[in-house]
Amino acid sequence: MLKGKTALVTGSTSGIGLGIAKALAGQGVHILLNGFGDVDAPRAEVLEAGKDFGVKVEFHGADMSRAAEIEDLFSYAQEKLGGIDIVVNGVGGAIRMRPFAEFEPEQIDAEIRRSLMPTLYACHAALPHLLARGGGTIVNVSSNATRGIHRVPYSAAKGGVNALTQSLAMEYAQHNIRV
Protein backbone atom coordinates (compact mmCIF):
# COMPACT_ATOMS: atom_id res chain seq x y z
CA MET A 1 0.00 0.00 0.00
CA LEU A 2 1.61 3.22 -1.17
CA LYS A 3 -1.09 5.76 -0.34
CA GLY A 4 0.15 8.28 2.21
CA LYS A 5 3.84 7.44 1.75
CA THR A 6 6.36 10.07 0.71
CA ALA A 7 8.92 9.66 -2.06
CA LEU A 8 11.98 11.54 -3.20
CA VAL A 9 12.48 11.02 -6.93
CA THR A 10 15.80 12.37 -8.16
CA GLY A 11 16.00 13.59 -11.73
CA SER A 12 12.23 14.01 -11.73
CA THR A 13 11.72 17.19 -13.72
CA SER A 14 11.79 15.25 -17.01
CA GLY A 15 12.03 11.84 -18.64
CA ILE A 16 11.96 8.62 -16.66
CA GLY A 17 12.12 10.42 -13.31
CA LEU A 18 9.05 12.50 -14.11
CA GLY A 19 7.21 9.39 -15.26
CA ILE A 20 8.05 7.64 -11.98
CA ALA A 21 6.93 10.67 -9.93
CA LYS A 22 3.61 10.78 -11.79
CA ALA A 23 3.06 7.04 -11.37
CA LEU A 24 3.73 7.26 -7.62
CA ALA A 25 1.47 10.30 -7.23
CA GLY A 26 -1.24 8.32 -9.01
CA GLN A 27 -0.96 5.82 -6.16
CA GLY A 28 -1.38 8.52 -3.51
CA VAL A 29 2.31 9.09 -2.75
CA HIS A 30 3.47 12.58 -1.76
CA ILE A 31 6.42 13.60 -3.94
CA LEU A 32 9.62 15.58 -3.52
CA LEU A 33 10.79 16.48 -7.01
CA ASN A 34 14.45 17.08 -7.75
CA GLY A 35 16.11 18.15 -10.97
CA PHE A 36 17.00 21.05 -13.21
CA GLY A 37 15.14 23.29 -15.62
CA ASP A 38 11.44 24.04 -15.57
CA VAL A 39 9.85 23.13 -12.26
CA ASP A 40 6.32 24.47 -12.68
CA ALA A 41 5.27 22.18 -15.55
CA PRO A 42 6.51 18.93 -13.94
CA ARG A 43 4.97 19.94 -10.61
CA ALA A 44 1.63 20.54 -12.34
CA GLU A 45 1.82 17.15 -14.07
CA VAL A 46 2.55 15.34 -10.80
CA LEU A 47 -0.20 17.24 -8.97
CA GLU A 48 -2.63 16.29 -11.74
CA ALA A 49 -1.61 12.63 -11.49
CA GLY A 50 -2.26 12.65 -7.73
CA LYS A 51 -5.32 14.93 -7.65
CA ASP A 52 -7.66 12.14 -6.53
CA PHE A 53 -5.50 11.62 -3.45
CA GLY A 54 -4.64 15.22 -2.57
CA VAL A 55 -0.93 14.53 -2.83
CA LYS A 56 1.60 17.12 -1.77
CA VAL A 57 4.31 17.96 -4.28
CA GLU A 58 7.43 19.84 -3.26
CA PHE A 59 10.58 20.69 -5.19
CA HIS A 60 14.14 21.12 -4.02
CA GLY A 61 17.02 21.55 -6.42
CA ALA A 62 20.29 19.93 -5.47
CA ASP A 63 23.45 19.07 -7.32
CA MET A 64 23.26 15.31 -6.87
CA SER A 65 27.01 14.93 -7.34
CA ARG A 66 27.59 16.80 -4.07
CA ALA A 67 27.02 14.95 -0.80
CA ALA A 68 26.32 18.13 1.21
CA GLU A 69 23.56 19.20 -1.16
CA ILE A 70 21.96 15.77 -0.91
CA GLU A 71 22.04 16.00 2.88
CA ASP A 72 20.20 19.34 2.54
CA LEU A 73 17.67 17.65 0.26
CA PHE A 74 16.80 15.11 2.95
CA SER A 75 16.59 17.84 5.60
CA TYR A 76 14.19 19.72 3.33
CA ALA A 77 12.11 16.54 2.93
CA GLN A 78 11.93 16.16 6.70
CA GLU A 79 10.89 19.78 7.16
CA LYS A 80 8.33 20.03 4.35
CA LEU A 81 6.95 16.49 4.09
CA GLY A 82 7.73 14.90 7.43
CA GLY A 83 10.39 12.62 5.96
CA ILE A 84 10.84 10.12 3.16
CA ASP A 85 9.65 6.51 2.88
CA ILE A 86 10.78 5.85 -0.69
CA VAL A 87 13.89 7.04 -2.52
CA VAL A 88 14.08 6.65 -6.29
CA ASN A 89 17.57 7.41 -7.59
CA GLY A 90 17.13 8.27 -11.24
CA VAL A 91 19.95 10.74 -11.87
CA GLY A 92 22.50 9.69 -14.47
CA GLY A 93 23.13 9.26 -18.15
CA ALA A 94 26.06 8.92 -20.48
CA ILE A 95 27.77 12.18 -21.38
CA ARG A 96 30.07 10.91 -24.14
CA MET A 97 30.16 7.87 -26.35
CA ARG A 98 33.51 7.07 -27.92
CA PRO A 99 36.25 4.44 -27.74
CA PHE A 100 37.64 4.29 -24.22
CA ALA A 101 41.17 5.18 -25.38
CA GLU A 102 39.83 8.57 -26.52
CA PHE A 103 38.51 9.60 -23.09
CA GLU A 104 40.49 12.14 -21.09
CA PRO A 105 40.81 11.47 -17.33
CA GLU A 106 38.56 14.47 -16.56
CA GLN A 107 35.89 13.02 -18.85
CA ILE A 108 36.07 9.68 -17.06
CA ASP A 109 35.67 11.47 -13.73
CA ALA A 110 32.67 13.40 -15.08
CA GLU A 111 30.93 10.19 -16.19
CA ILE A 112 31.41 8.61 -12.76
CA ARG A 113 30.28 11.80 -10.97
CA ARG A 114 27.11 11.88 -13.06
CA SER A 115 26.09 8.22 -13.08
CA LEU A 116 27.43 6.67 -9.87
CA MET A 117 28.04 9.33 -7.23
CA PRO A 118 24.47 10.70 -7.06
CA THR A 119 23.11 7.24 -6.30
CA LEU A 120 25.91 6.42 -3.87
CA TYR A 121 25.52 9.71 -1.99
CA ALA A 122 21.72 9.58 -1.97
CA CYS A 123 21.69 6.05 -0.57
CA HIS A 124 24.12 7.12 2.13
CA ALA A 125 22.02 10.18 3.02
CA ALA A 126 18.77 8.19 2.96
CA LEU A 127 19.79 5.44 5.37
CA PRO A 128 19.67 7.40 8.66
CA HIS A 129 16.20 8.71 7.72
CA LEU A 130 14.88 5.29 6.72
CA LEU A 131 16.39 3.63 9.79
CA ALA A 132 14.71 6.23 12.02
CA ARG A 133 11.37 5.49 10.31
CA GLY A 134 11.77 1.76 10.87
CA GLY A 135 12.25 0.94 7.18
CA GLY A 136 11.56 2.03 3.66
CA THR A 137 12.45 1.46 0.06
CA ILE A 138 15.33 2.54 -2.17
CA VAL A 139 15.02 2.09 -5.93
CA ASN A 140 18.21 2.61 -7.93
CA VAL A 141 17.77 3.10 -11.67
CA SER A 142 20.57 1.47 -13.62
CA SER A 143 21.03 0.48 -17.26
CA ASN A 144 21.49 -2.54 -19.44
CA ALA A 145 24.53 -0.74 -20.86
CA THR A 146 26.88 -2.15 -18.24
CA ARG A 147 28.40 -4.11 -21.10
CA GLY A 148 28.12 -1.38 -23.72
CA ILE A 149 30.79 -0.32 -26.18
CA HIS A 150 31.97 3.27 -26.56
CA ARG A 151 30.70 4.05 -23.07
CA VAL A 152 33.12 2.31 -20.74
CA PRO A 153 33.05 4.93 -17.93
CA TYR A 154 29.23 5.02 -17.99
CA SER A 155 29.11 1.22 -18.03
CA ALA A 156 31.47 1.11 -15.06
CA ALA A 157 29.34 3.64 -13.18
CA LYS A 158 26.13 1.68 -13.78
CA GLY A 159 27.91 -1.55 -12.84
CA GLY A 160 28.76 0.24 -9.59
CA VAL A 161 25.08 1.14 -9.12
CA ASN A 162 24.20 -2.55 -9.55
CA ALA A 163 26.80 -3.64 -7.00
CA LEU A 164 25.74 -0.89 -4.59
CA THR A 165 22.13 -2.01 -4.88
CA GLN A 166 22.90 -5.66 -4.19
CA SER A 167 25.20 -4.89 -1.27
CA LEU A 168 22.74 -2.49 0.37
CA ALA A 169 19.90 -4.95 -0.08
CA MET A 170 21.83 -7.59 1.85
CA GLU A 171 23.15 -5.19 4.48
CA TYR A 172 19.85 -3.45 5.31
CA ALA A 173 17.19 -6.14 4.78
CA GLN A 174 17.27 -6.87 8.51
CA HIS A 175 16.29 -3.22 9.08
CA ASN A 176 13.15 -3.44 6.92
CA ILE A 177 14.80 -1.46 4.11
CA ARG A 178 14.22 -2.88 0.65
CA VAL A 179 16.74 -1.92 -2.02
C-alpha atoms as a PDB file:
ATOM      1  CA  MET A   1       0.000   0.000   0.000  1.00  0.00           C
ATOM      2  CA  LEU A   2       1.606   3.221  -1.167  1.00  0.00           C
ATOM      3  CA  LYS A   3      -1.091   5.756  -0.339  1.00  0.00           C
ATOM      4  CA  GLY A   4       0.149   8.281   2.210  1.00  0.00           C
ATOM      5  CA  LYS A   5       3.835   7.436   1.750  1.00  0.00           C
ATOM      6  CA  THR A   6       6.359  10.070   0.711  1.00  0.00           C
ATOM      7  CA  ALA A   7       8.917   9.655  -2.064  1.00  0.00           C
ATOM      8  CA  LEU A   8      11.975  11.540  -3.202  1.00  0.00           C
ATOM      9  CA  VAL A   9      12.482  11.017  -6.926  1.00  0.00           C
ATOM     10  CA  THR A  10      15.800  12.373  -8.160  1.00  0.00           C
ATOM     11  CA  GLY A  11      16.002  13.594 -11.726  1.00  0.00           C
ATOM     12  CA  SER A  12      12.233  14.007 -11.733  1.00  0.00           C
ATOM     13  CA  THR A  13      11.718  17.187 -13.718  1.00  0.00           C
ATOM     14  CA  SER A  14      11.791  15.254 -17.013  1.00  0.00           C
ATOM     15  CA  GLY A  15      12.030  11.844 -18.639  1.00  0.00           C
ATOM     16  CA  ILE A  16      11.964   8.617 -16.660  1.00  0.00           C
ATOM     17  CA  GLY A  17      12.119  10.422 -13.305  1.00  0.00           C
ATOM     18  CA  LEU A  18       9.054  12.504 -14.106  1.00  0.00           C
ATOM     19  CA  GLY A  19       7.206   9.393 -15.258  1.00  0.00           C
ATOM     20  CA  ILE A  20       8.047   7.638 -11.984  1.00  0.00           C
ATOM     21  CA  ALA A  21       6.933  10.666  -9.935  1.00  0.00           C
ATOM     22  CA  LYS A  22       3.605  10.782 -11.789  1.00  0.00           C
ATOM     23  CA  ALA A  23       3.056   7.043 -11.371  1.00  0.00           C
ATOM     24  CA  LEU A  24       3.727   7.255  -7.624  1.00  0.00           C
ATOM     25  CA  ALA A  25       1.470  10.304  -7.234  1.00  0.00           C
ATOM     26  CA  GLY A  26      -1.240   8.324  -9.012  1.00  0.00           C
ATOM     27  CA  GLN A  27      -0.963   5.819  -6.161  1.00  0.00           C
ATOM     28  CA  GLY A  28      -1.385   8.523  -3.512  1.00  0.00           C
ATOM     29  CA  VAL A  29       2.305   9.085  -2.750  1.00  0.00           C
ATOM     30  CA  HIS A  30       3.472  12.583  -1.759  1.00  0.00           C
ATOM     31  CA  ILE A  31       6.420  13.600  -3.941  1.00  0.00           C
ATOM     32  CA  LEU A  32       9.615  15.576  -3.520  1.00  0.00           C
ATOM     33  CA  LEU A  33      10.788  16.484  -7.012  1.00  0.00           C
ATOM     34  CA  ASN A  34      14.451  17.079  -7.748  1.00  0.00           C
ATOM     35  CA  GLY A  35      16.113  18.149 -10.970  1.00  0.00           C
ATOM     36  CA  PHE A  36      16.999  21.054 -13.209  1.00  0.00           C
ATOM     37  CA  GLY A  37      15.136  23.288 -15.616  1.00  0.00           C
ATOM     38  CA  ASP A  38      11.436  24.038 -15.572  1.00  0.00           C
ATOM     39  CA  VAL A  39       9.851  23.127 -12.261  1.00  0.00           C
ATOM     40  CA  ASP A  40       6.320  24.465 -12.677  1.00  0.00           C
ATOM     41  CA  ALA A  41       5.274  22.181 -15.550  1.00  0.00           C
ATOM     42  CA  PRO A  42       6.513  18.930 -13.944  1.00  0.00           C
ATOM     43  CA  ARG A  43       4.974  19.938 -10.606  1.00  0.00           C
ATOM     44  CA  ALA A  44       1.631  20.541 -12.336  1.00  0.00           C
ATOM     45  CA  GLU A  45       1.823  17.145 -14.068  1.00  0.00           C
ATOM     46  CA  VAL A  46       2.553  15.343 -10.796  1.00  0.00           C
ATOM     47  CA  LEU A  47      -0.203  17.239  -8.970  1.00  0.00           C
ATOM     48  CA  GLU A  48      -2.634  16.289 -11.738  1.00  0.00           C
ATOM     49  CA  ALA A  49      -1.608  12.628 -11.486  1.00  0.00           C
ATOM     50  CA  GLY A  50      -2.259  12.651  -7.731  1.00  0.00           C
ATOM     51  CA  LYS A  51      -5.320  14.927  -7.647  1.00  0.00           C
ATOM     52  CA  ASP A  52      -7.665  12.139  -6.525  1.00  0.00           C
ATOM     53  CA  PHE A  53      -5.500  11.617  -3.448  1.00  0.00           C
ATOM     54  CA  GLY A  54      -4.639  15.219  -2.569  1.00  0.00           C
ATOM     55  CA  VAL A  55      -0.929  14.525  -2.825  1.00  0.00           C
ATOM     56  CA  LYS A  56       1.602  17.120  -1.766  1.00  0.00           C
ATOM     57  CA  VAL A  57       4.306  17.958  -4.278  1.00  0.00           C
ATOM     58  CA  GLU A  58       7.428  19.837  -3.257  1.00  0.00           C
ATOM     59  CA  PHE A  59      10.580  20.691  -5.189  1.00  0.00           C
ATOM     60  CA  HIS A  60      14.136  21.117  -4.025  1.00  0.00           C
ATOM     61  CA  GLY A  61      17.022  21.554  -6.422  1.00  0.00           C
ATOM     62  CA  ALA A  62      20.287  19.926  -5.474  1.00  0.00           C
ATOM     63  CA  ASP A  63      23.453  19.065  -7.322  1.00  0.00           C
ATOM     64  CA  MET A  64      23.260  15.312  -6.873  1.00  0.00           C
ATOM     65  CA  SER A  65      27.009  14.926  -7.344  1.00  0.00           C
ATOM     66  CA  ARG A  66      27.589  16.801  -4.068  1.00  0.00           C
ATOM     67  CA  ALA A  67      27.024  14.951  -0.801  1.00  0.00           C
ATOM     68  CA  ALA A  68      26.319  18.126   1.210  1.00  0.00           C
ATOM     69  CA  GLU A  69      23.558  19.205  -1.156  1.00  0.00           C
ATOM     70  CA  ILE A  70      21.964  15.767  -0.914  1.00  0.00           C
ATOM     71  CA  GLU A  71      22.037  16.003   2.883  1.00  0.00           C
ATOM     72  CA  ASP A  72      20.202  19.339   2.544  1.00  0.00           C
ATOM     73  CA  LEU A  73      17.669  17.652   0.255  1.00  0.00           C
ATOM     74  CA  PHE A  74      16.802  15.112   2.952  1.00  0.00           C
ATOM     75  CA  SER A  75      16.594  17.839   5.598  1.00  0.00           C
ATOM     76  CA  TYR A  76      14.185  19.717   3.334  1.00  0.00           C
ATOM     77  CA  ALA A  77      12.114  16.538   2.933  1.00  0.00           C
ATOM     78  CA  GLN A  78      11.932  16.160   6.695  1.00  0.00           C
ATOM     79  CA  GLU A  79      10.886  19.784   7.163  1.00  0.00           C
ATOM     80  CA  LYS A  80       8.327  20.030   4.351  1.00  0.00           C
ATOM     81  CA  LEU A  81       6.945  16.489   4.090  1.00  0.00           C
ATOM     82  CA  GLY A  82       7.734  14.898   7.434  1.00  0.00           C
ATOM     83  CA  GLY A  83      10.394  12.624   5.962  1.00  0.00           C
ATOM     84  CA  ILE A  84      10.838  10.121   3.164  1.00  0.00           C
ATOM     85  CA  ASP A  85       9.651   6.513   2.878  1.00  0.00           C
ATOM     86  CA  ILE A  86      10.782   5.851  -0.691  1.00  0.00           C
ATOM     87  CA  VAL A  87      13.890   7.041  -2.518  1.00  0.00           C
ATOM     88  CA  VAL A  88      14.085   6.653  -6.288  1.00  0.00           C
ATOM     89  CA  ASN A  89      17.569   7.409  -7.585  1.00  0.00           C
ATOM     90  CA  GLY A  90      17.134   8.271 -11.236  1.00  0.00           C
ATOM     91  CA  VAL A  91      19.953  10.739 -11.871  1.00  0.00           C
ATOM     92  CA  GLY A  92      22.496   9.691 -14.468  1.00  0.00           C
ATOM     93  CA  GLY A  93      23.129   9.263 -18.145  1.00  0.00           C
ATOM     94  CA  ALA A  94      26.064   8.923 -20.483  1.00  0.00           C
ATOM     95  CA  ILE A  95      27.775  12.182 -21.378  1.00  0.00           C
ATOM     96  CA  ARG A  96      30.066  10.915 -24.142  1.00  0.00           C
ATOM     97  CA  MET A  97      30.163   7.869 -26.350  1.00  0.00           C
ATOM     98  CA  ARG A  98      33.508   7.070 -27.922  1.00  0.00           C
ATOM     99  CA  PRO A  99      36.249   4.438 -27.742  1.00  0.00           C
ATOM    100  CA  PHE A 100      37.637   4.289 -24.219  1.00  0.00           C
ATOM    101  CA  ALA A 101      41.167   5.180 -25.381  1.00  0.00           C
ATOM    102  CA  GLU A 102      39.828   8.574 -26.520  1.00  0.00           C
ATOM    103  CA  PHE A 103      38.515   9.604 -23.085  1.00  0.00           C
ATOM    104  CA  GLU A 104      40.494  12.141 -21.087  1.00  0.00           C
ATOM    105  CA  PRO A 105      40.815  11.469 -17.327  1.00  0.00           C
ATOM    106  CA  GLU A 106      38.564  14.469 -16.562  1.00  0.00           C
ATOM    107  CA  GLN A 107      35.891  13.025 -18.850  1.00  0.00           C
ATOM    108  CA  ILE A 108      36.070   9.684 -17.058  1.00  0.00           C
ATOM    109  CA  ASP A 109      35.670  11.473 -13.733  1.00  0.00           C
ATOM    110  CA  ALA A 110      32.666  13.403 -15.081  1.00  0.00           C
ATOM    111  CA  GLU A 111      30.932  10.191 -16.189  1.00  0.00           C
ATOM    112  CA  ILE A 112      31.414   8.605 -12.755  1.00  0.00           C
ATOM    113  CA  ARG A 113      30.281  11.804 -10.970  1.00  0.00           C
ATOM    114  CA  ARG A 114      27.109  11.876 -13.063  1.00  0.00           C
ATOM    115  CA  SER A 115      26.086   8.220 -13.083  1.00  0.00           C
ATOM    116  CA  LEU A 116      27.426   6.666  -9.868  1.00  0.00           C
ATOM    117  CA  MET A 117      28.041   9.326  -7.233  1.00  0.00           C
ATOM    118  CA  PRO A 118      24.471  10.705  -7.057  1.00  0.00           C
ATOM    119  CA  THR A 119      23.112   7.239  -6.303  1.00  0.00           C
ATOM    120  CA  LEU A 120      25.907   6.420  -3.872  1.00  0.00           C
ATOM    121  CA  TYR A 121      25.522   9.711  -1.989  1.00  0.00           C
ATOM    122  CA  ALA A 122      21.716   9.584  -1.974  1.00  0.00           C
ATOM    123  CA  CYS A 123      21.688   6.052  -0.567  1.00  0.00           C
ATOM    124  CA  HIS A 124      24.120   7.119   2.130  1.00  0.00           C
ATOM    125  CA  ALA A 125      22.024  10.176   3.020  1.00  0.00           C
ATOM    126  CA  ALA A 126      18.768   8.186   2.960  1.00  0.00           C
ATOM    127  CA  LEU A 127      19.789   5.441   5.369  1.00  0.00           C
ATOM    128  CA  PRO A 128      19.667   7.403   8.658  1.00  0.00           C
ATOM    129  CA  HIS A 129      16.200   8.707   7.724  1.00  0.00           C
ATOM    130  CA  LEU A 130      14.881   5.290   6.724  1.00  0.00           C
ATOM    131  CA  LEU A 131      16.386   3.628   9.794  1.00  0.00           C
ATOM    132  CA  ALA A 132      14.712   6.234  12.023  1.00  0.00           C
ATOM    133  CA  ARG A 133      11.367   5.492  10.313  1.00  0.00           C
ATOM    134  CA  GLY A 134      11.765   1.757  10.872  1.00  0.00           C
ATOM    135  CA  GLY A 135      12.253   0.939   7.184  1.00  0.00           C
ATOM    136  CA  GLY A 136      11.556   2.032   3.657  1.00  0.00           C
ATOM    137  CA  THR A 137      12.451   1.461   0.056  1.00  0.00           C
ATOM    138  CA  ILE A 138      15.326   2.538  -2.173  1.00  0.00           C
ATOM    139  CA  VAL A 139      15.025   2.086  -5.934  1.00  0.00           C
ATOM    140  CA  ASN A 140      18.211   2.614  -7.932  1.00  0.00           C
ATOM    141  CA  VAL A 141      17.769   3.100 -11.669  1.00  0.00           C
ATOM    142  CA  SER A 142      20.574   1.474 -13.624  1.00  0.00           C
ATOM    143  CA  SER A 143      21.034   0.477 -17.257  1.00  0.00           C
ATOM    144  CA  ASN A 144      21.490  -2.543 -19.440  1.00  0.00           C
ATOM    145  CA  ALA A 145      24.528  -0.735 -20.864  1.00  0.00           C
ATOM    146  CA  THR A 146      26.881  -2.149 -18.245  1.00  0.00           C
ATOM    147  CA  ARG A 147      28.400  -4.108 -21.102  1.00  0.00           C
ATOM    148  CA  GLY A 148      28.119  -1.377 -23.724  1.00  0.00           C
ATOM    149  CA  ILE A 149      30.789  -0.317 -26.179  1.00  0.00           C
ATOM    150  CA  HIS A 150      31.974   3.269 -26.556  1.00  0.00           C
ATOM    151  CA  ARG A 151      30.700   4.054 -23.074  1.00  0.00           C
ATOM    152  CA  VAL A 152      33.118   2.314 -20.741  1.00  0.00           C
ATOM    153  CA  PRO A 153      33.052   4.932 -17.927  1.00  0.00           C
ATOM    154  CA  TYR A 154      29.233   5.024 -17.994  1.00  0.00           C
ATOM    155  CA  SER A 155      29.109   1.222 -18.029  1.00  0.00           C
ATOM    156  CA  ALA A 156      31.473   1.111 -15.059  1.00  0.00           C
ATOM    157  CA  ALA A 157      29.338   3.643 -13.178  1.00  0.00           C
ATOM    158  CA  LYS A 158      26.132   1.681 -13.777  1.00  0.00           C
ATOM    159  CA  GLY A 159      27.908  -1.552 -12.836  1.00  0.00           C
ATOM    160  CA  GLY A 160      28.763   0.240  -9.589  1.00  0.00           C
ATOM    161  CA  VAL A 161      25.077   1.137  -9.117  1.00  0.00           C
ATOM    162  CA  ASN A 162      24.197  -2.549  -9.547  1.00  0.00           C
ATOM    163  CA  ALA A 163      26.801  -3.643  -6.999  1.00  0.00           C
ATOM    164  CA  LEU A 164      25.740  -0.894  -4.587  1.00  0.00           C
ATOM    165  CA  THR A 165      22.126  -2.007  -4.877  1.00  0.00           C
ATOM    166  CA  GLN A 166      22.902  -5.661  -4.195  1.00  0.00           C
ATOM    167  CA  SER A 167      25.198  -4.892  -1.268  1.00  0.00           C
ATOM    168  CA  LEU A 168      22.742  -2.485   0.367  1.00  0.00           C
ATOM    169  CA  ALA A 169      19.900  -4.955  -0.083  1.00  0.00           C
ATOM    170  CA  MET A 170      21.830  -7.591   1.845  1.00  0.00           C
ATOM    171  CA  GLU A 171      23.149  -5.187   4.482  1.00  0.00           C
ATOM    172  CA  TYR A 172      19.845  -3.452   5.308  1.00  0.00           C
ATOM    173  CA  ALA A 173      17.193  -6.136   4.783  1.00  0.00           C
ATOM    174  CA  GLN A 174      17.273  -6.866   8.508  1.00  0.00           C
ATOM    175  CA  HIS A 175      16.289  -3.218   9.084  1.00  0.00           C
ATOM    176  CA  ASN A 176      13.151  -3.441   6.918  1.00  0.00           C
ATOM    177  CA  ILE A 177      14.796  -1.458   4.113  1.00  0.00           C
ATOM    178  CA  ARG A 178      14.222  -2.879   0.650  1.00  0.00           C
ATOM    179  CA  VAL A 179      16.744  -1.922  -2.016  1.00  0.00           C
END
